């Protein structure tokens, strides 16, 4: 996440988008406002949506939950608090 004021440094934002290969979330006054991504990332997401790959990825996540390969947010936060004594 980056604050909207950092959009002034377009070269840095472009580099961030390309290096991470992930959408970059932009906040305004601390709240989510928009998402920026490279053309490659956008095209990959669009292709995945068209081919049904997103449905497959969601099913993969559901399967992981059913097989106990992950934990819910409450469990994750509790584990982090315990680990770091928070």
N, C-alpha and C. Protein backbone atom coordinates (compact mmCIF):
# COMPACT_ATOMS: atom_id res chain seq x y z
N UNK A 1 0.85 -1.19 0.00
CA UNK A 1 0.00 0.00 0.00
C UNK A 1 0.88 1.24 0.00
N UNK A 2 0.44 2.21 -0.75
CA UNK A 2 1.14 3.49 -0.77
C UNK A 2 0.11 4.60 -0.65
N UNK A 3 0.48 5.71 -0.02
CA UNK A 3 -0.45 6.85 0.04
C UNK A 3 -0.54 7.54 -1.30
N UNK A 4 -1.67 8.15 -1.57
CA UNK A 4 -1.92 8.80 -2.86
C UNK A 4 -0.87 9.85 -3.18
N UNK A 5 -0.30 10.51 -2.16
CA UNK A 5 0.69 11.55 -2.41
C UNK A 5 1.95 11.00 -3.08
N UNK A 6 2.21 9.69 -2.91
CA UNK A 6 3.38 9.08 -3.53
C UNK A 6 3.21 8.87 -5.04
N UNK A 7 2.01 9.09 -5.55
CA UNK A 7 1.78 8.95 -6.99
C UNK A 7 2.53 10.01 -7.79
N UNK A 8 2.98 11.06 -7.10
CA UNK A 8 3.75 12.11 -7.78
C UNK A 8 5.05 11.56 -8.34
N UNK A 9 5.60 10.55 -7.69
CA UNK A 9 6.85 9.93 -8.15
C UNK A 9 6.47 8.76 -9.06
N UNK A 10 6.07 9.10 -10.29
CA UNK A 10 5.54 8.08 -11.20
C UNK A 10 6.57 7.01 -11.55
N UNK A 11 7.83 7.38 -11.66
CA UNK A 11 8.86 6.40 -11.99
C UNK A 11 8.96 5.34 -10.89
N UNK A 12 8.90 5.77 -9.64
CA UNK A 12 8.98 4.84 -8.51
C UNK A 12 7.76 3.93 -8.47
N UNK A 13 6.58 4.49 -8.70
CA UNK A 13 5.35 3.71 -8.68
C UNK A 13 5.36 2.69 -9.82
N UNK A 14 5.80 3.11 -10.99
CA UNK A 14 5.89 2.20 -12.13
C UNK A 14 6.85 1.06 -11.82
N UNK A 15 8.00 1.39 -11.25
CA UNK A 15 8.99 0.38 -10.89
C UNK A 15 8.40 -0.61 -9.89
N UNK A 16 7.69 -0.09 -8.89
CA UNK A 16 7.07 -0.94 -7.88
C UNK A 16 6.07 -1.91 -8.52
N UNK A 17 5.25 -1.39 -9.42
CA UNK A 17 4.26 -2.23 -10.10
C UNK A 17 4.93 -3.36 -10.89
N UNK A 18 5.99 -3.01 -11.60
CA UNK A 18 6.67 -4.00 -12.44
C UNK A 18 7.50 -4.98 -11.62
N UNK A 19 8.14 -4.51 -10.57
CA UNK A 19 8.99 -5.40 -9.76
C UNK A 19 8.17 -6.41 -8.97
N UNK A 20 7.04 -5.98 -8.43
CA UNK A 20 6.25 -6.89 -7.60
C UNK A 20 5.37 -7.80 -8.43
N UNK A 21 4.95 -7.32 -9.61
CA UNK A 21 4.04 -8.12 -10.42
C UNK A 21 2.67 -8.24 -9.78
N UNK A 22 2.41 -7.39 -8.81
CA UNK A 22 1.15 -7.42 -8.07
C UNK A 22 0.47 -6.05 -8.18
N UNK A 23 -0.85 -6.01 -8.01
CA UNK A 23 -1.51 -4.71 -7.94
C UNK A 23 -1.01 -3.92 -6.73
N UNK A 24 -0.86 -2.62 -6.88
CA UNK A 24 -0.42 -1.75 -5.80
C UNK A 24 -1.64 -0.99 -5.29
N UNK A 25 -1.94 -1.15 -4.03
CA UNK A 25 -3.11 -0.50 -3.43
C UNK A 25 -2.71 0.90 -2.97
N UNK A 26 -3.52 1.87 -3.35
CA UNK A 26 -3.27 3.27 -3.02
C UNK A 26 -4.31 3.73 -2.00
N UNK A 27 -3.84 4.41 -0.96
CA UNK A 27 -4.75 4.89 0.07
C UNK A 27 -4.88 6.42 0.00
N UNK A 28 -6.02 6.89 0.44
CA UNK A 28 -6.27 8.34 0.53
C UNK A 28 -6.80 8.59 1.93
N UNK A 29 -6.09 9.43 2.68
CA UNK A 29 -6.44 9.69 4.08
C UNK A 29 -6.52 8.39 4.88
N UNK A 30 -5.63 7.46 4.56
CA UNK A 30 -5.56 6.20 5.28
C UNK A 30 -6.58 5.15 4.88
N UNK A 31 -7.43 5.49 3.92
CA UNK A 31 -8.46 4.54 3.48
C UNK A 31 -8.17 4.05 2.07
N UNK A 32 -8.52 2.80 1.74
CA UNK A 32 -8.31 2.31 0.38
C UNK A 32 -9.01 3.22 -0.63
N UNK A 33 -8.30 3.54 -1.72
CA UNK A 33 -8.87 4.44 -2.71
C UNK A 33 -8.84 3.86 -4.12
N UNK A 34 -7.71 3.26 -4.53
CA UNK A 34 -7.61 2.70 -5.86
C UNK A 34 -6.49 1.69 -5.93
N UNK A 35 -6.42 1.01 -7.06
CA UNK A 35 -5.39 0.00 -7.29
C UNK A 35 -4.73 0.30 -8.62
N UNK A 36 -3.40 0.21 -8.64
CA UNK A 36 -2.63 0.44 -9.87
C UNK A 36 -1.82 -0.82 -10.13
N UNK A 37 -1.71 -1.19 -11.41
CA UNK A 37 -0.91 -2.37 -11.74
C UNK A 37 -0.28 -2.19 -13.11
N UNK A 38 0.74 -2.99 -13.36
CA UNK A 38 1.38 -2.95 -14.67
C UNK A 38 0.44 -3.53 -15.72
N UNK A 39 0.70 -3.22 -16.95
CA UNK A 39 -0.10 -3.78 -18.04
C UNK A 39 0.00 -5.30 -18.05
N UNK A 40 1.18 -5.82 -17.78
CA UNK A 40 1.37 -7.27 -17.76
C UNK A 40 0.50 -7.93 -16.69
N UNK A 41 0.46 -7.33 -15.51
CA UNK A 41 -0.35 -7.87 -14.43
C UNK A 41 -1.83 -7.81 -14.81
N UNK A 42 -2.25 -6.67 -15.37
CA UNK A 42 -3.64 -6.53 -15.78
C UNK A 42 -4.02 -7.59 -16.81
N UNK A 43 -3.18 -7.75 -17.83
CA UNK A 43 -3.48 -8.73 -18.88
C UNK A 43 -3.52 -10.15 -18.33
N UNK A 44 -2.64 -10.45 -17.39
CA UNK A 44 -2.62 -11.77 -16.76
C UNK A 44 -3.91 -12.02 -15.98
N UNK A 45 -4.34 -11.01 -15.22
CA UNK A 45 -5.58 -11.14 -14.46
C UNK A 45 -6.79 -11.25 -15.38
N UNK A 46 -6.80 -10.46 -16.45
CA UNK A 46 -7.91 -10.51 -17.41
C UNK A 46 -7.98 -11.87 -18.08
N UNK A 47 -6.82 -12.41 -18.45
CA UNK A 47 -6.78 -13.74 -19.08
C UNK A 47 -7.25 -14.81 -18.10
N UNK A 48 -6.81 -14.69 -16.86
CA UNK A 48 -7.23 -15.66 -15.84
C UNK A 48 -8.73 -15.62 -15.65
N UNK A 49 -9.30 -14.43 -15.66
CA UNK A 49 -10.75 -14.30 -15.50
C UNK A 49 -11.48 -14.92 -16.69
N UNK A 50 -10.95 -14.72 -17.88
CA UNK A 50 -11.59 -15.25 -19.09
C UNK A 50 -11.51 -16.77 -19.15
N UNK A 51 -10.42 -17.34 -18.68
CA UNK A 51 -10.23 -18.79 -18.79
C UNK A 51 -10.79 -19.55 -17.60
N UNK A 52 -11.29 -18.85 -16.61
CA UNK A 52 -11.83 -19.52 -15.43
C UNK A 52 -10.75 -19.89 -14.43
N UNK A 53 -9.54 -19.41 -14.63
CA UNK A 53 -8.45 -19.75 -13.72
C UNK A 53 -8.74 -19.22 -12.31
N UNK A 54 -9.40 -18.09 -12.22
CA UNK A 54 -9.71 -17.53 -10.90
C UNK A 54 -10.60 -18.49 -10.13
N UNK A 55 -11.57 -19.08 -10.79
CA UNK A 55 -12.44 -20.05 -10.13
C UNK A 55 -11.61 -21.22 -9.61
N UNK A 56 -10.64 -21.64 -10.41
CA UNK A 56 -9.76 -22.74 -10.00
C UNK A 56 -8.93 -22.36 -8.78
N UNK A 57 -8.43 -21.12 -8.75
CA UNK A 57 -7.63 -20.66 -7.62
C UNK A 57 -8.48 -20.55 -6.35
N UNK A 58 -9.70 -20.09 -6.50
CA UNK A 58 -10.61 -20.02 -5.34
C UNK A 58 -10.88 -21.42 -4.82
N UNK A 59 -11.10 -22.36 -5.73
CA UNK A 59 -11.34 -23.75 -5.31
C UNK A 59 -10.12 -24.31 -4.61
N UNK A 60 -8.93 -23.95 -5.08
CA UNK A 60 -7.69 -24.39 -4.43
C UNK A 60 -7.65 -23.89 -2.99
N UNK A 61 -8.05 -22.64 -2.78
CA UNK A 61 -8.10 -22.07 -1.44
C UNK A 61 -9.11 -22.78 -0.56
N UNK A 62 -10.26 -23.08 -1.11
CA UNK A 62 -11.30 -23.80 -0.36
C UNK A 62 -10.78 -25.18 0.04
N UNK A 63 -10.13 -25.86 -0.90
CA UNK A 63 -9.56 -27.19 -0.61
C UNK A 63 -8.52 -27.11 0.51
N UNK A 64 -7.69 -26.06 0.49
CA UNK A 64 -6.67 -25.90 1.52
C UNK A 64 -7.31 -25.74 2.89
N UNK A 65 -8.40 -24.98 2.95
CA UNK A 65 -9.11 -24.80 4.22
C UNK A 65 -9.69 -26.13 4.69
N UNK A 66 -10.32 -26.85 3.77
CA UNK A 66 -10.94 -28.12 4.13
C UNK A 66 -9.92 -29.16 4.61
N UNK A 67 -8.69 -29.07 4.10
CA UNK A 67 -7.65 -30.03 4.49
C UNK A 67 -6.80 -29.52 5.66
N UNK A 68 -7.20 -28.41 6.25
CA UNK A 68 -6.49 -27.88 7.40
C UNK A 68 -5.10 -27.33 7.08
N UNK A 69 -4.89 -26.91 5.85
CA UNK A 69 -3.58 -26.40 5.43
C UNK A 69 -3.41 -24.91 5.70
N UNK A 70 -4.39 -24.29 6.29
CA UNK A 70 -4.30 -22.86 6.62
C UNK A 70 -5.18 -22.61 7.84
N UNK A 71 -5.14 -21.37 8.31
CA UNK A 71 -5.96 -21.03 9.46
C UNK A 71 -6.70 -19.73 9.20
N UNK A 72 -7.75 -19.50 9.96
CA UNK A 72 -8.51 -18.27 9.77
C UNK A 72 -7.73 -17.08 10.34
N UNK A 73 -8.21 -15.89 10.06
CA UNK A 73 -7.53 -14.67 10.48
C UNK A 73 -7.38 -14.58 11.99
N UNK A 74 -8.39 -15.02 12.73
CA UNK A 74 -8.32 -14.96 14.18
C UNK A 74 -7.19 -15.84 14.71
N UNK A 75 -7.06 -17.03 14.14
CA UNK A 75 -5.99 -17.93 14.54
C UNK A 75 -4.62 -17.38 14.18
N UNK A 76 -4.52 -16.77 13.00
CA UNK A 76 -3.25 -16.19 12.56
C UNK A 76 -2.83 -15.05 13.48
N UNK A 77 -3.78 -14.18 13.82
CA UNK A 77 -3.48 -13.05 14.70
C UNK A 77 -3.09 -13.55 16.09
N UNK A 78 -3.79 -14.53 16.58
CA UNK A 78 -3.46 -15.09 17.90
C UNK A 78 -2.06 -15.69 17.90
N UNK A 79 -1.70 -16.39 16.82
CA UNK A 79 -0.36 -16.99 16.72
C UNK A 79 0.71 -15.91 16.68
N UNK A 80 0.46 -14.84 15.94
CA UNK A 80 1.43 -13.73 15.86
C UNK A 80 1.58 -13.04 17.22
N UNK A 81 0.46 -12.82 17.90
CA UNK A 81 0.52 -12.19 19.22
C UNK A 81 1.31 -13.04 20.19
N UNK A 82 1.08 -14.34 20.14
CA UNK A 82 1.80 -15.25 21.03
C UNK A 82 3.30 -15.26 20.69
N UNK A 83 3.60 -15.33 19.42
CA UNK A 83 4.98 -15.40 18.99
C UNK A 83 5.77 -14.16 19.37
N UNK A 84 5.14 -12.99 19.24
CA UNK A 84 5.85 -11.73 19.49
C UNK A 84 5.49 -11.08 20.82
N UNK A 85 4.75 -11.80 21.65
CA UNK A 85 4.40 -11.30 22.97
C UNK A 85 3.58 -10.03 22.97
N UNK A 86 2.62 -9.96 22.07
CA UNK A 86 1.79 -8.76 21.97
C UNK A 86 0.50 -8.91 22.75
